Amino acid sequence: MQDRHGHRISYLRVSITDRCNERCGYCMPQELQEWLPREGILTFEETLRLIRIAADLGVSKVRVTGGEPLTRRDVINFVRRIPEISGIKSIGLSTNGTLLAREITPGETMAAALHDAGVNSVNISLDTLDRETYSQITGRDFHEQVLS
């Protein structure tokens, strides 16, 4: 598969939710804080079908994004199914990092579960190391969670 400039497309970015646990002004201004109805979001089965189609066309890398993708229920089981798709060699995740250290089962963090499911790269959005500035930007006080 090629773009209109003749460059090979090997990368697919899939947004699995519009929801987020932060309220960054640059992404979610006050006047735009309405979520899509849940039935307006692709199911995981539909998303996996799209990834299969893209893989058949030569895509080998998938990046899971949102909103905040880790707010989507059953995200681990979804991610676990991506490496089963023939041709997919790399799975990345873009996150605000607030939920990575959360324990999802006794002794297992979200980060560990994602790694075990096949995620091999994570992009964490961290706008500042200063706690006060972080809270002003994100509208939340999750600075400690992101840094842990």
N, C-alpha and C. Protein backbone atom coordinates (compact mmCIF):
# COMPACT_ATOMS: atom_id res chain seq x y z
N MET A 1 0.86 -1.17 0.00
CA MET A 1 0.00 0.00 0.00
C MET A 1 0.91 1.23 0.00
N GLN A 2 0.54 2.23 -0.81
CA GLN A 2 1.32 3.46 -0.91
C GLN A 2 0.42 4.67 -0.74
N ASP A 3 1.03 5.76 -0.24
CA ASP A 3 0.29 7.01 -0.17
C ASP A 3 0.36 7.70 -1.53
N ARG A 4 -0.22 8.86 -1.66
CA ARG A 4 -0.29 9.54 -2.96
C ARG A 4 1.06 10.03 -3.46
N HIS A 5 2.07 9.99 -2.58
CA HIS A 5 3.42 10.40 -2.97
C HIS A 5 4.31 9.20 -3.29
N GLY A 6 3.72 8.01 -3.27
CA GLY A 6 4.47 6.81 -3.59
C GLY A 6 5.22 6.20 -2.43
N HIS A 7 5.01 6.73 -1.22
CA HIS A 7 5.68 6.17 -0.04
C HIS A 7 4.90 4.95 0.47
N ARG A 8 5.64 3.93 0.84
CA ARG A 8 5.02 2.71 1.37
C ARG A 8 4.40 3.00 2.74
N ILE A 9 3.18 2.55 2.93
CA ILE A 9 2.50 2.71 4.22
C ILE A 9 2.64 1.39 4.98
N SER A 10 3.32 1.45 6.12
CA SER A 10 3.54 0.23 6.90
C SER A 10 3.00 0.37 8.31
N TYR A 11 2.35 1.50 8.60
CA TYR A 11 1.99 1.86 9.96
C TYR A 11 0.51 2.22 10.02
N LEU A 12 -0.20 1.66 10.99
CA LEU A 12 -1.61 1.97 11.18
C LEU A 12 -1.82 2.45 12.60
N ARG A 13 -2.47 3.58 12.74
CA ARG A 13 -2.81 4.12 14.05
C ARG A 13 -4.30 3.91 14.25
N VAL A 14 -4.68 3.22 15.34
CA VAL A 14 -6.09 2.98 15.61
C VAL A 14 -6.47 3.63 16.94
N SER A 15 -7.46 4.49 16.87
CA SER A 15 -7.99 5.14 18.07
C SER A 15 -9.17 4.31 18.56
N ILE A 16 -9.05 3.77 19.79
CA ILE A 16 -10.07 2.85 20.28
C ILE A 16 -11.09 3.52 21.20
N THR A 17 -10.90 4.80 21.49
CA THR A 17 -11.87 5.55 22.30
C THR A 17 -11.63 7.04 22.15
N ASP A 18 -12.66 7.82 22.40
CA ASP A 18 -12.48 9.26 22.46
C ASP A 18 -12.41 9.72 23.92
N ARG A 19 -12.63 8.82 24.84
CA ARG A 19 -12.67 9.16 26.27
C ARG A 19 -11.27 9.29 26.85
N CYS A 20 -11.17 10.13 27.88
CA CYS A 20 -9.89 10.36 28.53
C CYS A 20 -10.13 10.73 29.98
N ASN A 21 -9.19 10.38 30.83
CA ASN A 21 -9.30 10.69 32.25
C ASN A 21 -8.61 12.01 32.60
N GLU A 22 -8.08 12.71 31.61
CA GLU A 22 -7.53 14.04 31.82
C GLU A 22 -8.37 15.04 31.01
N ARG A 23 -8.12 16.31 31.22
CA ARG A 23 -8.88 17.36 30.55
C ARG A 23 -7.95 18.44 30.01
N CYS A 24 -6.99 18.03 29.20
CA CYS A 24 -6.01 18.96 28.66
C CYS A 24 -6.70 19.97 27.75
N GLY A 25 -6.40 21.23 27.94
CA GLY A 25 -7.02 22.29 27.15
C GLY A 25 -6.74 22.18 25.67
N TYR A 26 -5.58 21.68 25.28
CA TYR A 26 -5.24 21.58 23.86
C TYR A 26 -5.95 20.43 23.16
N CYS A 27 -6.44 19.47 23.93
CA CYS A 27 -7.09 18.30 23.33
C CYS A 27 -8.60 18.30 23.60
N MET A 28 -8.98 18.80 24.76
CA MET A 28 -10.37 18.72 25.17
C MET A 28 -10.82 20.05 25.79
N PRO A 29 -10.99 21.08 24.96
CA PRO A 29 -11.43 22.36 25.51
C PRO A 29 -12.81 22.23 26.16
N GLN A 30 -13.10 23.11 27.09
CA GLN A 30 -14.35 23.07 27.86
C GLN A 30 -15.57 22.89 26.97
N GLU A 31 -15.59 23.59 25.84
CA GLU A 31 -16.78 23.55 24.99
C GLU A 31 -16.91 22.25 24.20
N LEU A 32 -15.90 21.39 24.21
CA LEU A 32 -15.95 20.14 23.45
C LEU A 32 -15.82 18.91 24.34
N GLN A 33 -16.48 18.91 25.48
CA GLN A 33 -16.32 17.80 26.42
C GLN A 33 -17.48 16.81 26.36
N GLU A 34 -17.99 16.56 25.18
CA GLU A 34 -19.03 15.54 25.02
C GLU A 34 -18.42 14.31 24.38
N TRP A 35 -18.76 13.14 24.92
CA TRP A 35 -18.24 11.89 24.38
C TRP A 35 -19.16 11.40 23.26
N LEU A 36 -18.58 10.63 22.37
CA LEU A 36 -19.40 9.93 21.39
C LEU A 36 -20.21 8.87 22.11
N PRO A 37 -21.40 8.56 21.63
CA PRO A 37 -22.14 7.45 22.25
C PRO A 37 -21.32 6.16 22.04
N ARG A 38 -21.38 5.27 23.02
CA ARG A 38 -20.57 4.03 22.93
C ARG A 38 -20.83 3.26 21.64
N GLU A 39 -22.06 3.29 21.16
CA GLU A 39 -22.35 2.58 19.91
C GLU A 39 -21.73 3.28 18.70
N GLY A 40 -21.22 4.49 18.88
CA GLY A 40 -20.54 5.21 17.81
C GLY A 40 -19.06 4.87 17.70
N ILE A 41 -18.55 4.09 18.64
CA ILE A 41 -17.14 3.68 18.65
C ILE A 41 -17.06 2.26 18.07
N LEU A 42 -16.07 2.01 17.24
CA LEU A 42 -15.89 0.67 16.70
C LEU A 42 -15.70 -0.35 17.82
N THR A 43 -16.29 -1.51 17.66
CA THR A 43 -16.05 -2.59 18.61
C THR A 43 -14.63 -3.10 18.40
N PHE A 44 -14.14 -3.87 19.35
CA PHE A 44 -12.81 -4.45 19.19
C PHE A 44 -12.79 -5.41 18.00
N GLU A 45 -13.87 -6.15 17.78
CA GLU A 45 -13.93 -7.06 16.63
C GLU A 45 -13.82 -6.28 15.32
N GLU A 46 -14.53 -5.15 15.23
CA GLU A 46 -14.45 -4.31 14.02
C GLU A 46 -13.04 -3.76 13.83
N THR A 47 -12.43 -3.33 14.93
CA THR A 47 -11.08 -2.78 14.85
C THR A 47 -10.08 -3.86 14.43
N LEU A 48 -10.21 -5.05 14.98
CA LEU A 48 -9.32 -6.15 14.59
C LEU A 48 -9.51 -6.49 13.11
N ARG A 49 -10.72 -6.41 12.63
CA ARG A 49 -10.97 -6.66 11.20
C ARG A 49 -10.24 -5.63 10.34
N LEU A 50 -10.29 -4.35 10.76
CA LEU A 50 -9.58 -3.31 10.02
C LEU A 50 -8.08 -3.54 10.03
N ILE A 51 -7.55 -3.98 11.18
CA ILE A 51 -6.11 -4.27 11.27
C ILE A 51 -5.75 -5.42 10.34
N ARG A 52 -6.59 -6.45 10.27
CA ARG A 52 -6.35 -7.58 9.37
C ARG A 52 -6.31 -7.11 7.91
N ILE A 53 -7.26 -6.26 7.55
CA ILE A 53 -7.31 -5.73 6.17
C ILE A 53 -6.04 -4.93 5.88
N ALA A 54 -5.65 -4.07 6.82
CA ALA A 54 -4.44 -3.26 6.64
C ALA A 54 -3.20 -4.15 6.54
N ALA A 55 -3.14 -5.20 7.37
CA ALA A 55 -2.00 -6.13 7.32
C ALA A 55 -1.94 -6.83 5.97
N ASP A 56 -3.08 -7.19 5.43
CA ASP A 56 -3.12 -7.82 4.09
C ASP A 56 -2.60 -6.86 3.02
N LEU A 57 -2.67 -5.56 3.29
CA LEU A 57 -2.20 -4.55 2.34
C LEU A 57 -0.76 -4.12 2.62
N GLY A 58 -0.11 -4.76 3.61
CA GLY A 58 1.30 -4.48 3.87
C GLY A 58 1.63 -3.76 5.16
N VAL A 59 0.64 -3.41 5.94
CA VAL A 59 0.91 -2.76 7.23
C VAL A 59 1.51 -3.79 8.18
N SER A 60 2.60 -3.41 8.86
CA SER A 60 3.25 -4.33 9.80
C SER A 60 3.34 -3.76 11.21
N LYS A 61 3.02 -2.47 11.36
CA LYS A 61 3.10 -1.82 12.67
C LYS A 61 1.76 -1.20 13.02
N VAL A 62 1.33 -1.40 14.25
CA VAL A 62 0.06 -0.85 14.73
C VAL A 62 0.34 -0.04 15.99
N ARG A 63 -0.26 1.16 16.07
CA ARG A 63 -0.19 1.97 17.28
C ARG A 63 -1.61 2.16 17.78
N VAL A 64 -1.84 1.81 19.06
CA VAL A 64 -3.15 1.94 19.70
C VAL A 64 -3.17 3.27 20.44
N THR A 65 -4.20 4.09 20.13
CA THR A 65 -4.31 5.41 20.74
C THR A 65 -5.74 5.65 21.20
N GLY A 66 -6.02 6.87 21.62
CA GLY A 66 -7.35 7.29 22.00
C GLY A 66 -7.49 8.76 21.68
N GLY A 67 -8.22 9.41 22.47
CA GLY A 67 -8.44 9.50 23.88
C GLY A 67 -7.31 8.86 24.66
N GLU A 68 -7.69 8.33 25.77
CA GLU A 68 -6.76 7.54 26.59
C GLU A 68 -7.15 6.08 26.41
N PRO A 69 -6.37 5.31 25.63
CA PRO A 69 -6.76 3.94 25.31
C PRO A 69 -6.91 3.03 26.53
N LEU A 70 -6.22 3.34 27.61
CA LEU A 70 -6.29 2.46 28.78
C LEU A 70 -7.56 2.65 29.58
N THR A 71 -8.41 3.60 29.19
CA THR A 71 -9.72 3.74 29.83
C THR A 71 -10.74 2.79 29.21
N ARG A 72 -10.41 2.20 28.09
CA ARG A 72 -11.33 1.29 27.40
C ARG A 72 -11.31 -0.07 28.08
N ARG A 73 -12.49 -0.54 28.44
CA ARG A 73 -12.60 -1.86 29.08
C ARG A 73 -12.03 -2.95 28.19
N ASP A 74 -11.38 -3.89 28.78
CA ASP A 74 -10.87 -5.08 28.11
C ASP A 74 -9.77 -4.78 27.09
N VAL A 75 -9.07 -3.67 27.28
CA VAL A 75 -8.02 -3.27 26.35
C VAL A 75 -6.90 -4.31 26.29
N ILE A 76 -6.60 -4.97 27.40
CA ILE A 76 -5.54 -5.98 27.41
C ILE A 76 -5.89 -7.14 26.48
N ASN A 77 -7.11 -7.64 26.58
CA ASN A 77 -7.52 -8.75 25.71
C ASN A 77 -7.53 -8.34 24.24
N PHE A 78 -7.90 -7.09 23.97
CA PHE A 78 -7.85 -6.58 22.60
C PHE A 78 -6.41 -6.59 22.08
N VAL A 79 -5.51 -5.99 22.85
CA VAL A 79 -4.11 -5.90 22.44
C VAL A 79 -3.51 -7.30 22.27
N ARG A 80 -3.88 -8.21 23.12
CA ARG A 80 -3.37 -9.59 23.06
C ARG A 80 -3.70 -10.26 21.73
N ARG A 81 -4.76 -9.83 21.09
CA ARG A 81 -5.19 -10.45 19.83
C ARG A 81 -4.48 -9.87 18.60
N ILE A 82 -3.88 -8.71 18.75
CA ILE A 82 -3.24 -8.07 17.59
C ILE A 82 -2.05 -8.90 17.06
N PRO A 83 -1.16 -9.42 17.92
CA PRO A 83 -0.02 -10.20 17.37
C PRO A 83 -0.44 -11.48 16.66
N GLU A 84 -1.67 -11.91 16.85
CA GLU A 84 -2.17 -13.10 16.17
C GLU A 84 -2.43 -12.84 14.69
N ILE A 85 -2.47 -11.55 14.31
CA ILE A 85 -2.76 -11.17 12.93
C ILE A 85 -1.48 -11.32 12.10
N SER A 86 -1.57 -12.11 11.06
CA SER A 86 -0.43 -12.37 10.19
C SER A 86 0.11 -11.06 9.61
N GLY A 87 1.42 -10.87 9.72
CA GLY A 87 2.07 -9.68 9.16
C GLY A 87 2.33 -8.58 10.17
N ILE A 88 1.67 -8.60 11.30
CA ILE A 88 1.88 -7.55 12.31
C ILE A 88 3.12 -7.91 13.12
N LYS A 89 4.12 -7.00 13.09
CA LYS A 89 5.39 -7.25 13.75
C LYS A 89 5.65 -6.34 14.94
N SER A 90 4.90 -5.25 15.04
CA SER A 90 5.17 -4.27 16.10
C SER A 90 3.86 -3.66 16.58
N ILE A 91 3.72 -3.57 17.91
CA ILE A 91 2.54 -2.95 18.50
C ILE A 91 3.00 -1.86 19.46
N GLY A 92 2.52 -0.65 19.22
CA GLY A 92 2.84 0.48 20.08
C GLY A 92 1.58 0.99 20.75
N LEU A 93 1.77 1.80 21.77
CA LEU A 93 0.66 2.37 22.52
C LEU A 93 0.99 3.81 22.85
N SER A 94 0.07 4.73 22.61
CA SER A 94 0.20 6.12 23.03
C SER A 94 -0.73 6.34 24.21
N THR A 95 -0.21 6.87 25.30
CA THR A 95 -0.97 7.01 26.54
C THR A 95 -0.53 8.24 27.31
N ASN A 96 -1.39 8.70 28.22
CA ASN A 96 -0.97 9.78 29.11
C ASN A 96 -0.22 9.22 30.31
N GLY A 97 -0.16 7.92 30.44
CA GLY A 97 0.65 7.27 31.47
C GLY A 97 0.01 7.13 32.84
N THR A 98 -1.17 7.70 33.02
CA THR A 98 -1.76 7.74 34.36
C THR A 98 -2.20 6.37 34.87
N LEU A 99 -2.45 5.44 33.97
CA LEU A 99 -2.98 4.13 34.38
C LEU A 99 -1.97 3.00 34.25
N LEU A 100 -0.75 3.28 33.82
CA LEU A 100 0.23 2.22 33.60
C LEU A 100 0.62 1.48 34.87
N ALA A 101 0.72 2.20 35.99
CA ALA A 101 1.15 1.57 37.25
C ALA A 101 -0.01 0.95 38.03
N ARG A 102 -1.22 1.13 37.53
CA ARG A 102 -2.39 0.58 38.23
C ARG A 102 -2.33 -0.94 38.26
N GLU A 103 -2.62 -1.50 39.41
CA GLU A 103 -2.65 -2.95 39.56
C GLU A 103 -3.98 -3.46 39.02
N ILE A 104 -3.93 -4.32 38.02
CA ILE A 104 -5.17 -4.82 37.41
C ILE A 104 -5.54 -6.21 37.90
N THR A 105 -4.55 -6.95 38.35
CA THR A 105 -4.77 -8.21 39.06
C THR A 105 -3.71 -8.22 40.16
N PRO A 106 -3.90 -9.00 41.20
CA PRO A 106 -2.91 -8.98 42.29
C PRO A 106 -1.49 -9.22 41.77
N GLY A 107 -0.64 -8.23 41.99
CA GLY A 107 0.76 -8.33 41.60
C GLY A 107 1.07 -8.00 40.15
N GLU A 108 0.06 -7.62 39.36
CA GLU A 108 0.29 -7.31 37.95
C GLU A 108 -0.21 -5.92 37.61
N THR A 109 0.69 -5.09 37.10
CA THR A 109 0.32 -3.74 36.69
C THR A 109 -0.18 -3.74 35.25
N MET A 110 -0.84 -2.66 34.90
CA MET A 110 -1.29 -2.46 33.52
C MET A 110 -0.09 -2.53 32.57
N ALA A 111 1.02 -1.89 32.94
CA ALA A 111 2.21 -1.89 32.08
C ALA A 111 2.72 -3.31 31.83
N ALA A 112 2.79 -4.12 32.88
CA ALA A 112 3.26 -5.50 32.74
C ALA A 112 2.31 -6.31 31.86
N ALA A 113 1.02 -6.12 32.06
CA ALA A 113 0.03 -6.84 31.27
C ALA A 113 0.11 -6.46 29.80
N LEU A 114 0.33 -5.18 29.51
CA LEU A 114 0.47 -4.73 28.13
C LEU A 114 1.71 -5.35 27.49
N HIS A 115 2.80 -5.37 28.23
CA HIS A 115 4.03 -6.00 27.72
C HIS A 115 3.79 -7.47 27.41
N ASP A 116 3.17 -8.17 28.35
CA ASP A 116 2.88 -9.59 28.16
C ASP A 116 1.93 -9.83 26.99
N ALA A 117 1.07 -8.84 26.71
CA ALA A 117 0.10 -8.96 25.61
C ALA A 117 0.74 -8.70 24.25
N GLY A 118 1.97 -8.15 24.24
CA GLY A 118 2.65 -7.94 22.97
C GLY A 118 3.02 -6.51 22.64
N VAL A 119 2.70 -5.56 23.51
CA VAL A 119 3.08 -4.17 23.25
C VAL A 119 4.60 -4.06 23.41
N ASN A 120 5.27 -3.53 22.37
CA ASN A 120 6.72 -3.42 22.46
C ASN A 120 7.23 -1.98 22.42
N SER A 121 6.33 -1.01 22.37
CA SER A 121 6.74 0.39 22.53
C SER A 121 5.57 1.19 23.11
N VAL A 122 5.94 2.15 23.96
CA VAL A 122 4.93 3.00 24.60
C VAL A 122 5.39 4.44 24.48
N ASN A 123 4.48 5.30 24.04
CA ASN A 123 4.73 6.73 23.97
C ASN A 123 3.89 7.36 25.07
N ILE A 124 4.57 7.97 26.07
CA ILE A 124 3.86 8.60 27.18
C ILE A 124 3.87 10.11 26.97
N SER A 125 2.69 10.70 26.97
CA SER A 125 2.56 12.14 26.84
C SER A 125 2.73 12.78 28.22
N LEU A 126 3.83 13.48 28.41
CA LEU A 126 4.11 14.17 29.67
C LEU A 126 4.51 15.59 29.33
N ASP A 127 3.62 16.54 29.58
CA ASP A 127 3.83 17.91 29.15
C ASP A 127 4.84 18.68 29.99
N THR A 128 5.06 18.25 31.22
CA THR A 128 5.99 18.94 32.11
C THR A 128 6.34 18.03 33.28
N LEU A 129 7.48 18.31 33.90
CA LEU A 129 7.86 17.59 35.12
C LEU A 129 7.41 18.33 36.37
N ASP A 130 6.94 19.55 36.20
CA ASP A 130 6.48 20.36 37.32
C ASP A 130 5.03 20.00 37.66
N ARG A 131 4.80 19.59 38.90
CA ARG A 131 3.47 19.11 39.31
C ARG A 131 2.38 20.16 39.13
N GLU A 132 2.65 21.39 39.54
CA GLU A 132 1.63 22.44 39.45
C GLU A 132 1.29 22.74 37.98
N THR A 133 2.29 22.86 37.16
CA THR A 133 2.06 23.12 35.74
C THR A 133 1.32 21.94 35.10
N TYR A 134 1.70 20.73 35.49
CA TYR A 134 1.02 19.53 34.98
C TYR A 134 -0.47 19.60 35.29
N SER A 135 -0.82 19.93 36.52
CA SER A 135 -2.23 20.01 36.92
C SER A 135 -2.96 21.10 36.15
N GLN A 136 -2.30 22.22 35.89
CA GLN A 136 -2.92 23.29 35.12
C GLN A 136 -3.19 22.84 33.68
N ILE A 137 -2.24 22.16 33.09
CA ILE A 137 -2.39 21.72 31.69
C ILE A 137 -3.45 20.63 31.56
N THR A 138 -3.40 19.64 32.45
CA THR A 138 -4.25 18.46 32.30
C THR A 138 -5.59 18.56 33.01
N GLY A 139 -5.72 19.54 33.90
CA GLY A 139 -6.96 19.66 34.67
C GLY A 139 -7.11 18.58 35.71
N ARG A 140 -6.05 17.82 35.96
CA ARG A 140 -6.07 16.73 36.93
C ARG A 140 -4.74 16.71 37.70
N ASP A 141 -4.74 16.03 38.84
CA ASP A 141 -3.52 15.91 39.64
C ASP A 141 -3.02 14.46 39.58
N PHE A 142 -2.61 14.02 38.39
CA PHE A 142 -2.12 12.66 38.19
C PHE A 142 -0.60 12.61 38.02
N HIS A 143 0.07 13.72 38.32
CA HIS A 143 1.51 13.82 38.11
C HIS A 143 2.26 12.65 38.74
N GLU A 144 1.94 12.33 39.97
CA GLU A 144 2.62 11.24 40.69
C GLU A 144 2.41 9.89 40.00
N GLN A 145 1.19 9.62 39.55
CA GLN A 145 0.90 8.35 38.87
C GLN A 145 1.72 8.20 37.59
N VAL A 146 1.85 9.28 36.84
CA VAL A 146 2.58 9.21 35.58
C VAL A 146 4.06 8.93 35.84
N LEU A 147 4.60 9.57 36.86
CA LEU A 147 6.03 9.40 37.15
C LEU A 147 6.35 8.08 37.84
N SER A 148 5.32 7.41 38.35
CA SER A 148 5.60 6.13 39.01
C SER A 148 5.64 5.06 37.97
